[in-house]
């Protein structure tokens, strides 16, 4: 399993798609897998369907999104299907116990895990969010300074991980970094 993590607008989905195309491995993106259910659940709870900031989302909806995502990942791994999974995973990659449980679940299915952290400067992240024009990003864009103040740009996973530079001044293209990662992960298997 390749787990691609990072902040909104860091290029997680684009990078994960490159890795999936290069390797032929299954791609599971949290937004693709769960967005319609997330929006409906938020509406049923009387919340904004694009909410990704409030306690209603964080406490009631987000755990279900991640559970559904990992149920699909582990079904694939059980069948021997290598999988690239992408979501922010901000809380998860900061938790050694969570990462250890994830690794144990992968080992039980005969799989290894590679964690990728998408590094991206603030201006590039804003450009990506504006370009994708997704309703779920409207709060972040409307309250950009508040959003940026709420994230730790120095955050990194608390485990061995690969860092992918997706800033506007990156020395290597995202596609090339995906090729390099795919080669390293295959060689390590």
N, C-alpha and C. Protein backbone atom coordinates (compact mmCIF):
# COMPACT_ATOMS: atom_id res chain seq x y z
N UNK A 1 0.85 -1.17 0.00
CA UNK A 1 0.00 0.00 0.00
C UNK A 1 0.89 1.24 0.00
N UNK A 2 0.51 2.17 -0.85
CA UNK A 2 1.14 3.48 -0.84
C UNK A 2 0.10 4.45 -0.30
N UNK A 3 0.42 5.09 0.82
CA UNK A 3 -0.48 6.04 1.48
C UNK A 3 0.05 7.45 1.18
N UNK A 4 -0.75 8.25 0.49
CA UNK A 4 -0.35 9.60 0.09
C UNK A 4 -1.10 10.60 0.96
N UNK A 5 -0.34 11.38 1.75
CA UNK A 5 -0.91 12.30 2.73
C UNK A 5 -0.42 13.73 2.48
N UNK A 6 -1.20 14.69 2.98
CA UNK A 6 -0.78 16.08 2.90
C UNK A 6 -1.97 17.01 3.03
N UNK A 7 -1.67 18.28 3.04
CA UNK A 7 -2.71 19.30 3.20
C UNK A 7 -3.54 19.45 1.93
N UNK A 8 -4.70 20.07 2.09
CA UNK A 8 -5.57 20.36 0.95
C UNK A 8 -4.79 21.19 -0.07
N UNK A 9 -4.87 20.78 -1.33
CA UNK A 9 -4.20 21.52 -2.39
C UNK A 9 -2.74 21.20 -2.55
N UNK A 10 -2.25 20.18 -1.86
CA UNK A 10 -0.83 19.84 -1.97
C UNK A 10 -0.52 18.94 -3.17
N UNK A 11 -1.56 18.46 -3.84
CA UNK A 11 -1.35 17.62 -5.03
C UNK A 11 -1.43 16.12 -4.77
N UNK A 12 -2.07 15.73 -3.67
CA UNK A 12 -2.16 14.31 -3.30
C UNK A 12 -2.79 13.46 -4.40
N UNK A 13 -3.93 13.89 -4.87
CA UNK A 13 -4.66 13.09 -5.86
C UNK A 13 -3.89 13.00 -7.17
N UNK A 14 -3.34 14.10 -7.62
CA UNK A 14 -2.57 14.09 -8.86
C UNK A 14 -1.37 13.14 -8.74
N UNK A 15 -0.65 13.22 -7.63
CA UNK A 15 0.50 12.35 -7.43
C UNK A 15 0.05 10.89 -7.35
N UNK A 16 -1.01 10.62 -6.58
CA UNK A 16 -1.50 9.24 -6.44
C UNK A 16 -1.91 8.68 -7.79
N UNK A 17 -2.52 9.51 -8.64
CA UNK A 17 -2.90 9.05 -9.98
C UNK A 17 -1.67 8.69 -10.81
N UNK A 18 -0.64 9.50 -10.72
CA UNK A 18 0.60 9.18 -11.43
C UNK A 18 1.15 7.83 -10.97
N UNK A 19 1.22 7.63 -9.65
CA UNK A 19 1.74 6.37 -9.12
C UNK A 19 0.88 5.20 -9.59
N UNK A 20 -0.43 5.37 -9.54
CA UNK A 20 -1.35 4.32 -9.98
C UNK A 20 -1.18 4.00 -11.47
N UNK A 21 -1.05 5.04 -12.29
CA UNK A 21 -0.86 4.83 -13.73
C UNK A 21 0.46 4.13 -14.02
N UNK A 22 1.50 4.50 -13.30
CA UNK A 22 2.83 3.90 -13.52
C UNK A 22 2.86 2.45 -13.09
N UNK A 23 2.25 2.14 -11.95
CA UNK A 23 2.32 0.80 -11.38
C UNK A 23 1.19 -0.13 -11.81
N UNK A 24 0.05 0.47 -12.20
CA UNK A 24 -1.13 -0.34 -12.48
C UNK A 24 -1.88 -0.72 -11.21
N UNK A 25 -1.50 -0.14 -10.08
CA UNK A 25 -2.14 -0.46 -8.80
C UNK A 25 -3.45 0.30 -8.66
N UNK A 26 -4.35 -0.27 -7.90
CA UNK A 26 -5.65 0.33 -7.62
C UNK A 26 -5.47 1.68 -6.95
N UNK A 27 -6.31 2.64 -7.30
CA UNK A 27 -6.30 3.96 -6.66
C UNK A 27 -7.60 4.15 -5.89
N UNK A 28 -7.48 4.51 -4.63
CA UNK A 28 -8.64 4.86 -3.81
C UNK A 28 -8.41 6.25 -3.23
N UNK A 29 -9.23 7.20 -3.66
CA UNK A 29 -9.16 8.59 -3.20
C UNK A 29 -10.35 8.83 -2.28
N UNK A 30 -10.11 9.38 -1.10
CA UNK A 30 -11.18 9.58 -0.13
C UNK A 30 -12.36 10.35 -0.71
N UNK A 31 -12.06 11.42 -1.44
CA UNK A 31 -13.16 12.23 -1.97
C UNK A 31 -13.98 11.47 -3.00
N UNK A 32 -13.33 10.72 -3.85
CA UNK A 32 -14.05 9.94 -4.86
C UNK A 32 -14.89 8.85 -4.20
N UNK A 33 -14.31 8.19 -3.21
CA UNK A 33 -14.99 7.07 -2.54
C UNK A 33 -16.16 7.54 -1.70
N UNK A 34 -16.03 8.71 -1.06
CA UNK A 34 -17.03 9.05 -0.05
C UNK A 34 -17.78 10.37 -0.22
N UNK A 35 -17.41 11.22 -1.16
CA UNK A 35 -18.01 12.55 -1.21
C UNK A 35 -19.54 12.53 -1.26
N UNK A 36 -20.20 11.76 -2.14
CA UNK A 36 -21.67 11.79 -2.16
C UNK A 36 -22.29 11.39 -0.81
N UNK A 37 -21.71 10.39 -0.16
CA UNK A 37 -22.22 9.97 1.15
C UNK A 37 -21.95 11.03 2.21
N UNK A 38 -20.76 11.62 2.16
CA UNK A 38 -20.40 12.67 3.11
C UNK A 38 -21.37 13.84 3.01
N UNK A 39 -21.62 14.29 1.79
CA UNK A 39 -22.52 15.43 1.60
C UNK A 39 -23.92 15.10 2.08
N UNK A 40 -24.42 13.91 1.77
CA UNK A 40 -25.76 13.52 2.22
C UNK A 40 -25.83 13.39 3.74
N UNK A 41 -24.81 12.83 4.34
CA UNK A 41 -24.80 12.68 5.79
C UNK A 41 -24.76 14.05 6.47
N UNK A 42 -23.94 14.95 5.96
CA UNK A 42 -23.89 16.29 6.53
C UNK A 42 -25.25 16.98 6.43
N UNK A 43 -25.90 16.86 5.28
CA UNK A 43 -27.24 17.45 5.12
C UNK A 43 -28.22 16.84 6.12
N UNK A 44 -28.15 15.52 6.29
CA UNK A 44 -29.08 14.86 7.23
C UNK A 44 -28.82 15.29 8.67
N UNK A 45 -27.62 15.74 8.95
CA UNK A 45 -27.29 16.23 10.29
C UNK A 45 -27.56 17.72 10.44
N UNK A 46 -28.14 18.33 9.39
CA UNK A 46 -28.46 19.75 9.42
C UNK A 46 -27.26 20.65 9.19
N UNK A 47 -26.22 20.11 8.57
CA UNK A 47 -24.99 20.88 8.34
C UNK A 47 -24.82 21.20 6.86
N UNK A 48 -23.88 22.06 6.59
CA UNK A 48 -23.51 22.41 5.21
C UNK A 48 -22.85 21.19 4.57
N UNK A 49 -23.29 20.77 3.38
CA UNK A 49 -22.70 19.59 2.75
C UNK A 49 -21.22 19.76 2.38
N UNK A 50 -20.74 20.98 2.37
CA UNK A 50 -19.34 21.23 2.05
C UNK A 50 -18.47 21.48 3.29
N UNK A 51 -19.05 21.30 4.45
CA UNK A 51 -18.34 21.50 5.71
C UNK A 51 -17.20 20.49 5.85
N UNK A 52 -16.03 20.99 6.13
CA UNK A 52 -14.90 20.12 6.46
C UNK A 52 -14.14 20.68 7.66
N UNK A 53 -14.77 21.67 8.35
CA UNK A 53 -14.09 22.35 9.43
C UNK A 53 -14.72 22.16 10.80
N UNK A 54 -16.03 21.95 10.86
CA UNK A 54 -16.71 21.97 12.16
C UNK A 54 -16.62 20.63 12.87
N UNK A 55 -17.02 20.65 14.13
CA UNK A 55 -17.02 19.44 14.94
C UNK A 55 -17.96 18.38 14.37
N UNK A 56 -19.07 18.81 13.76
CA UNK A 56 -19.99 17.83 13.17
C UNK A 56 -19.24 16.98 12.14
N UNK A 57 -18.50 17.63 11.26
CA UNK A 57 -17.73 16.88 10.26
C UNK A 57 -16.64 16.06 10.94
N UNK A 58 -15.81 16.72 11.75
CA UNK A 58 -14.65 16.04 12.35
C UNK A 58 -15.04 14.86 13.23
N UNK A 59 -16.11 15.01 14.02
CA UNK A 59 -16.46 13.99 15.00
C UNK A 59 -17.42 12.93 14.49
N UNK A 60 -18.32 13.30 13.59
CA UNK A 60 -19.36 12.37 13.16
C UNK A 60 -19.15 11.81 11.76
N UNK A 61 -18.61 12.61 10.85
CA UNK A 61 -18.53 12.20 9.45
C UNK A 61 -17.14 11.69 9.07
N UNK A 62 -16.12 12.43 9.41
CA UNK A 62 -14.76 12.07 9.02
C UNK A 62 -14.38 10.64 9.44
N UNK A 63 -14.67 10.22 10.67
CA UNK A 63 -14.32 8.84 11.04
C UNK A 63 -14.97 7.80 10.13
N UNK A 64 -16.19 8.07 9.69
CA UNK A 64 -16.87 7.13 8.79
C UNK A 64 -16.23 7.13 7.40
N UNK A 65 -15.84 8.31 6.91
CA UNK A 65 -15.14 8.39 5.61
C UNK A 65 -13.89 7.51 5.64
N UNK A 66 -13.09 7.68 6.68
CA UNK A 66 -11.83 6.96 6.77
C UNK A 66 -12.07 5.46 6.97
N UNK A 67 -13.09 5.12 7.73
CA UNK A 67 -13.39 3.70 7.93
C UNK A 67 -13.77 3.04 6.60
N UNK A 68 -14.66 3.69 5.84
CA UNK A 68 -15.05 3.15 4.53
C UNK A 68 -13.85 3.04 3.59
N UNK A 69 -13.01 4.07 3.59
CA UNK A 69 -11.83 4.07 2.74
C UNK A 69 -10.92 2.89 3.08
N UNK A 70 -10.65 2.69 4.36
CA UNK A 70 -9.74 1.61 4.74
C UNK A 70 -10.38 0.23 4.63
N UNK A 71 -11.69 0.15 4.77
CA UNK A 71 -12.34 -1.15 4.51
C UNK A 71 -12.07 -1.56 3.06
N UNK A 72 -12.17 -0.62 2.13
CA UNK A 72 -11.90 -0.91 0.72
C UNK A 72 -10.42 -1.24 0.50
N UNK A 73 -9.53 -0.48 1.14
CA UNK A 73 -8.09 -0.75 1.01
C UNK A 73 -7.78 -2.16 1.48
N UNK A 74 -8.26 -2.53 2.66
CA UNK A 74 -7.92 -3.84 3.21
C UNK A 74 -8.58 -4.99 2.44
N UNK A 75 -9.75 -4.75 1.86
CA UNK A 75 -10.33 -5.76 0.97
C UNK A 75 -9.40 -6.00 -0.22
N UNK A 76 -8.88 -4.91 -0.81
CA UNK A 76 -7.95 -5.05 -1.92
C UNK A 76 -6.70 -5.80 -1.51
N UNK A 77 -6.10 -5.39 -0.39
CA UNK A 77 -4.86 -6.03 0.05
C UNK A 77 -5.08 -7.52 0.35
N UNK A 78 -6.25 -7.84 0.93
CA UNK A 78 -6.57 -9.25 1.22
C UNK A 78 -6.57 -10.08 -0.07
N UNK A 79 -6.97 -9.44 -1.17
CA UNK A 79 -7.01 -10.12 -2.47
C UNK A 79 -5.69 -10.03 -3.23
N UNK A 80 -4.68 -9.43 -2.60
CA UNK A 80 -3.38 -9.30 -3.24
C UNK A 80 -3.30 -8.15 -4.23
N UNK A 81 -4.21 -7.19 -4.12
CA UNK A 81 -4.24 -6.04 -5.04
C UNK A 81 -3.54 -4.86 -4.36
N UNK A 82 -2.37 -4.52 -4.88
CA UNK A 82 -1.65 -3.36 -4.35
C UNK A 82 -2.51 -2.12 -4.56
N UNK A 83 -2.48 -1.22 -3.58
CA UNK A 83 -3.40 -0.08 -3.59
C UNK A 83 -2.69 1.20 -3.21
N UNK A 84 -3.01 2.26 -3.95
CA UNK A 84 -2.57 3.61 -3.64
C UNK A 84 -3.78 4.30 -3.02
N UNK A 85 -3.62 4.83 -1.82
CA UNK A 85 -4.74 5.46 -1.12
C UNK A 85 -4.35 6.89 -0.77
N UNK A 86 -5.29 7.81 -1.01
CA UNK A 86 -4.99 9.21 -0.74
C UNK A 86 -6.13 9.90 -0.01
N UNK A 87 -5.72 10.68 0.97
CA UNK A 87 -6.60 11.52 1.79
C UNK A 87 -5.65 12.41 2.57
N UNK A 88 -6.15 13.40 3.27
CA UNK A 88 -5.21 14.22 4.04
C UNK A 88 -4.40 13.41 5.07
N UNK A 89 -5.06 12.54 5.83
CA UNK A 89 -4.39 11.72 6.85
C UNK A 89 -3.56 12.55 7.83
N UNK A 90 -3.95 13.80 8.08
CA UNK A 90 -3.15 14.68 8.92
C UNK A 90 -3.03 14.17 10.35
N UNK A 91 -4.14 13.79 10.95
CA UNK A 91 -4.11 13.25 12.32
C UNK A 91 -3.43 11.89 12.34
N UNK A 92 -3.71 11.10 11.33
CA UNK A 92 -3.26 9.71 11.31
C UNK A 92 -1.74 9.60 11.23
N UNK A 93 -1.11 10.35 10.32
CA UNK A 93 0.34 10.22 10.16
C UNK A 93 1.12 10.88 11.30
N UNK A 94 0.41 11.60 12.18
CA UNK A 94 1.03 12.19 13.36
C UNK A 94 0.91 11.28 14.58
N UNK A 95 0.29 10.12 14.40
CA UNK A 95 0.02 9.21 15.52
C UNK A 95 0.80 7.91 15.35
N UNK A 96 1.80 7.71 16.20
CA UNK A 96 2.57 6.46 16.13
C UNK A 96 1.69 5.23 16.37
N UNK A 97 0.78 5.27 17.35
CA UNK A 97 -0.08 4.09 17.55
C UNK A 97 -0.94 3.78 16.32
N UNK A 98 -1.49 4.81 15.68
CA UNK A 98 -2.31 4.59 14.49
C UNK A 98 -1.47 3.98 13.38
N UNK A 99 -0.29 4.54 13.17
CA UNK A 99 0.59 4.01 12.13
C UNK A 99 1.01 2.57 12.42
N UNK A 100 1.25 2.26 13.68
CA UNK A 100 1.63 0.89 14.04
C UNK A 100 0.48 -0.08 13.78
N UNK A 101 -0.75 0.33 14.13
CA UNK A 101 -1.92 -0.52 13.84
C UNK A 101 -2.08 -0.73 12.34
N UNK A 102 -1.88 0.34 11.57
CA UNK A 102 -1.98 0.24 10.12
C UNK A 102 -0.95 -0.73 9.58
N UNK A 103 0.27 -0.60 10.03
CA UNK A 103 1.34 -1.50 9.57
C UNK A 103 1.01 -2.95 9.93
N UNK A 104 0.51 -3.17 11.14
CA UNK A 104 0.14 -4.54 11.56
C UNK A 104 -0.96 -5.10 10.68
N UNK A 105 -1.96 -4.28 10.36
CA UNK A 105 -3.05 -4.76 9.50
C UNK A 105 -2.53 -5.09 8.10
N UNK A 106 -1.58 -4.30 7.62
CA UNK A 106 -0.99 -4.59 6.31
C UNK A 106 -0.19 -5.89 6.35
N UNK A 107 0.63 -6.06 7.38
CA UNK A 107 1.45 -7.27 7.51
C UNK A 107 0.56 -8.51 7.54
N UNK A 108 -0.58 -8.44 8.25
CA UNK A 108 -1.50 -9.58 8.32
C UNK A 108 -2.02 -9.96 6.93
N UNK A 109 -1.99 -9.03 6.01
CA UNK A 109 -2.47 -9.28 4.65
C UNK A 109 -1.31 -9.45 3.68
N UNK A 110 -0.11 -9.59 4.21
CA UNK A 110 1.06 -9.81 3.37
C UNK A 110 1.49 -8.58 2.59
N UNK A 111 1.14 -7.40 3.08
CA UNK A 111 1.44 -6.17 2.35
C UNK A 111 2.41 -5.30 3.15
N UNK A 112 3.17 -4.53 2.42
CA UNK A 112 4.03 -3.52 3.01
C UNK A 112 3.38 -2.17 2.79
N UNK A 113 3.85 -1.17 3.54
CA UNK A 113 3.28 0.16 3.42
C UNK A 113 4.39 1.17 3.15
N UNK A 114 4.11 2.08 2.24
CA UNK A 114 4.99 3.22 1.98
C UNK A 114 4.15 4.47 2.21
N UNK A 115 4.63 5.35 3.08
CA UNK A 115 3.93 6.60 3.38
C UNK A 115 4.60 7.73 2.61
N UNK A 116 3.77 8.53 1.95
CA UNK A 116 4.25 9.66 1.16
C UNK A 116 3.68 10.94 1.78
N UNK A 117 4.52 11.93 1.96
CA UNK A 117 4.07 13.24 2.43
C UNK A 117 4.25 14.24 1.30
N UNK A 118 3.17 14.91 0.94
CA UNK A 118 3.20 15.92 -0.11
C UNK A 118 3.58 17.26 0.51
N UNK A 119 4.75 17.78 0.14
CA UNK A 119 5.20 19.09 0.62
C UNK A 119 4.85 20.12 -0.45
N UNK A 120 4.27 21.21 -0.03
CA UNK A 120 3.83 22.22 -0.99
C UNK A 120 3.80 23.57 -0.29
N UNK A 121 4.27 24.59 -0.95
CA UNK A 121 4.23 25.92 -0.36
C UNK A 121 2.80 26.46 -0.36
N UNK A 122 2.55 27.44 0.49
CA UNK A 122 1.21 27.99 0.69
C UNK A 122 0.64 28.58 -0.61
N UNK A 123 1.45 29.31 -1.36
CA UNK A 123 0.95 29.92 -2.59
C UNK A 123 0.54 28.87 -3.61
N UNK A 124 1.33 27.80 -3.72
CA UNK A 124 0.98 26.72 -4.65
C UNK A 124 -0.29 26.01 -4.22
N UNK A 125 -0.44 25.78 -2.90
CA UNK A 125 -1.66 25.13 -2.41
C UNK A 125 -2.88 25.98 -2.76
N UNK A 126 -2.78 27.28 -2.55
CA UNK A 126 -3.91 28.15 -2.87
C UNK A 126 -4.22 28.09 -4.37
N UNK A 127 -3.19 28.12 -5.20
CA UNK A 127 -3.39 28.01 -6.65
C UNK A 127 -4.13 26.72 -7.01
N UNK A 128 -3.71 25.58 -6.40
CA UNK A 128 -4.37 24.30 -6.68
C UNK A 128 -5.84 24.34 -6.26
N UNK A 129 -6.10 24.89 -5.07
CA UNK A 129 -7.49 24.96 -4.59
C UNK A 129 -8.34 25.84 -5.49
N UNK A 130 -7.81 26.97 -5.91
CA UNK A 130 -8.56 27.85 -6.79
C UNK A 130 -8.82 27.19 -8.14
N UNK A 131 -7.83 26.47 -8.65
CA UNK A 131 -7.96 25.81 -9.95
C UNK A 131 -8.99 24.69 -9.91
N UNK A 132 -8.99 23.89 -8.84
CA UNK A 132 -9.94 22.77 -8.81
C UNK A 132 -11.36 23.24 -8.52
N UNK A 133 -11.50 24.40 -7.91
CA UNK A 133 -12.81 25.04 -7.73
C UNK A 133 -13.85 24.10 -7.11
N UNK A 134 -13.45 23.40 -6.05
CA UNK A 134 -14.37 22.47 -5.38
C UNK A 134 -15.08 23.18 -4.24
N UNK A 135 -16.37 22.95 -4.12
CA UNK A 135 -17.17 23.61 -3.08
C UNK A 135 -16.63 23.32 -1.69
N UNK A 136 -16.05 22.14 -1.49
CA UNK A 136 -15.54 21.78 -0.17
C UNK A 136 -14.35 22.64 0.26
N UNK A 137 -13.76 23.38 -0.70
CA UNK A 137 -12.63 24.25 -0.40
C UNK A 137 -13.04 25.70 -0.17
N UNK A 138 -14.32 26.01 -0.31
CA UNK A 138 -14.74 27.41 -0.26
C UNK A 138 -14.42 28.07 1.08
N UNK A 139 -14.59 27.37 2.19
CA UNK A 139 -14.25 27.96 3.48
C UNK A 139 -12.76 28.29 3.54
N UNK A 140 -11.93 27.34 3.14
CA UNK A 140 -10.48 27.57 3.18
C UNK A 140 -10.11 28.81 2.36
N UNK A 141 -10.65 28.91 1.17
CA UNK A 141 -10.32 30.05 0.30
C UNK A 141 -10.89 31.36 0.84
N UNK A 142 -12.07 31.32 1.41
CA UNK A 142 -12.69 32.53 1.95
C UNK A 142 -11.98 33.02 3.21
N UNK A 143 -11.42 32.11 3.96
CA UNK A 143 -10.74 32.44 5.22
C UNK A 143 -9.29 31.96 5.16
N UNK A 144 -8.63 32.29 4.07
CA UNK A 144 -7.31 31.74 3.78
C UNK A 144 -6.31 31.98 4.92
N UNK A 145 -6.20 33.19 5.41
CA UNK A 145 -5.23 33.48 6.47
C UNK A 145 -5.52 32.66 7.73
N UNK A 146 -6.81 32.55 8.06
CA UNK A 146 -7.19 31.75 9.23
C UNK A 146 -6.87 30.27 8.98
N UNK A 147 -7.17 29.79 7.79
CA UNK A 147 -6.86 28.39 7.46
C UNK A 147 -5.36 28.13 7.57
N UNK A 148 -4.55 28.97 6.93
CA UNK A 148 -3.09 28.76 6.93
C UNK A 148 -2.55 28.81 8.35
N UNK A 149 -3.10 29.70 9.18
CA UNK A 149 -2.65 29.78 10.58
C UNK A 149 -3.00 28.51 11.35
N UNK A 150 -3.98 27.76 10.87
CA UNK A 150 -4.42 26.55 11.59
C UNK A 150 -3.63 25.29 11.22
N UNK A 151 -2.77 25.39 10.21
CA UNK A 151 -2.01 24.21 9.79
C UNK A 151 -0.53 24.40 10.11
N UNK A 152 0.16 23.30 10.26
CA UNK A 152 1.58 23.33 10.56
C UNK A 152 2.33 22.87 9.30
N UNK A 153 2.86 23.81 8.57
CA UNK A 153 3.54 23.49 7.31
C UNK A 153 4.79 22.65 7.51
N UNK A 154 5.28 22.57 8.74
CA UNK A 154 6.45 21.74 9.03
C UNK A 154 6.06 20.32 9.43
N UNK A 155 4.75 20.04 9.48
CA UNK A 155 4.30 18.70 9.87
C UNK A 155 4.86 17.65 8.91
N UNK A 156 5.25 16.53 9.47
CA UNK A 156 5.70 15.38 8.69
C UNK A 156 5.19 14.12 9.40
N UNK A 157 5.02 13.03 8.69
CA UNK A 157 4.65 11.78 9.35
C UNK A 157 5.69 11.37 10.38
N UNK A 158 5.23 10.71 11.44
CA UNK A 158 6.12 10.27 12.52
C UNK A 158 6.67 8.88 12.25
N UNK A 159 6.76 8.53 10.98
CA UNK A 159 7.30 7.24 10.58
C UNK A 159 8.23 7.49 9.38
N UNK A 160 8.90 6.46 8.95
CA UNK A 160 9.70 6.56 7.74
C UNK A 160 8.75 6.91 6.60
N UNK A 161 9.14 7.89 5.79
CA UNK A 161 8.25 8.33 4.72
C UNK A 161 9.05 8.96 3.58
N UNK A 162 8.40 9.08 2.47
CA UNK A 162 8.95 9.76 1.30
C UNK A 162 8.35 11.16 1.26
N UNK A 163 9.16 12.15 0.94
CA UNK A 163 8.67 13.51 0.78
C UNK A 163 8.65 13.83 -0.71
N UNK A 164 7.50 14.29 -1.18
CA UNK A 164 7.34 14.70 -2.57
C UNK A 164 7.17 16.22 -2.57
N UNK A 165 8.00 16.90 -3.33
CA UNK A 165 7.93 18.36 -3.42
C UNK A 165 7.02 18.74 -4.58
N UNK A 166 5.89 19.36 -4.25
CA UNK A 166 4.97 19.80 -5.28
C UNK A 166 4.77 21.31 -5.26
N UNK A 167 5.77 22.02 -4.78
CA UNK A 167 5.71 23.47 -4.81
C UNK A 167 6.02 23.99 -6.20
N UNK A 168 5.71 25.24 -6.42
CA UNK A 168 5.91 25.81 -7.76
C UNK A 168 7.38 25.85 -8.16
N UNK A 169 8.29 25.76 -7.20
CA UNK A 169 9.72 25.78 -7.52
C UNK A 169 10.38 24.42 -7.35
N UNK A 170 9.58 23.36 -7.41
CA UNK A 170 10.12 22.00 -7.27
C UNK A 170 11.14 21.74 -8.39
N UNK A 171 12.23 21.09 -8.03
CA UNK A 171 13.30 20.81 -9.01
C UNK A 171 12.94 19.65 -9.93
N UNK A 172 12.05 18.79 -9.49
CA UNK A 172 11.68 17.61 -10.25
C UNK A 172 10.16 17.59 -10.44
N UNK A 173 9.71 17.25 -11.63
CA UNK A 173 8.27 17.22 -11.91
C UNK A 173 7.57 16.18 -11.03
N UNK A 174 6.29 16.38 -10.83
CA UNK A 174 5.50 15.45 -10.04
C UNK A 174 5.51 14.06 -10.68
N UNK A 175 5.38 14.01 -12.00
CA UNK A 175 5.39 12.72 -12.71
C UNK A 175 6.72 11.99 -12.50
N UNK A 176 7.81 12.71 -12.55
CA UNK A 176 9.12 12.09 -12.35
C UNK A 176 9.28 11.61 -10.91
N UNK A 177 8.79 12.41 -9.96
CA UNK A 177 8.85 11.97 -8.57
C UNK A 177 8.00 10.71 -8.35
N UNK A 178 6.89 10.62 -9.06
CA UNK A 178 6.05 9.41 -8.98
C UNK A 178 6.81 8.21 -9.56
N UNK A 179 7.50 8.40 -10.68
CA UNK A 179 8.30 7.31 -11.25
C UNK A 179 9.38 6.86 -10.28
N UNK A 180 10.04 7.83 -9.65
CA UNK A 180 11.10 7.50 -8.69
C UNK A 180 10.53 6.74 -7.50
N UNK A 181 9.40 7.19 -6.97
CA UNK A 181 8.79 6.50 -5.84
C UNK A 181 8.37 5.09 -6.24
N UNK A 182 7.73 4.94 -7.37
CA UNK A 182 7.27 3.62 -7.83
C UNK A 182 8.46 2.67 -7.93
N UNK A 183 9.55 3.15 -8.46
CA UNK A 183 10.75 2.32 -8.60
C UNK A 183 11.29 1.92 -7.22
N UNK A 184 11.35 2.86 -6.29
CA UNK A 184 11.87 2.56 -4.95
C UNK A 184 10.96 1.59 -4.21
N UNK A 185 9.66 1.78 -4.34
CA UNK A 185 8.71 0.91 -3.63
C UNK A 185 8.77 -0.50 -4.22
N UNK A 186 8.83 -0.60 -5.53
CA UNK A 186 8.93 -1.94 -6.16
C UNK A 186 10.21 -2.63 -5.78
N UNK A 187 11.34 -1.88 -5.74
CA UNK A 187 12.63 -2.46 -5.39
C UNK A 187 12.66 -2.95 -3.96
N UNK A 188 11.91 -2.26 -3.07
CA UNK A 188 11.89 -2.62 -1.65
C UNK A 188 11.02 -3.85 -1.38
N UNK A 189 10.10 -4.16 -2.32
CA UNK A 189 9.18 -5.28 -2.09
C UNK A 189 9.86 -6.62 -2.29
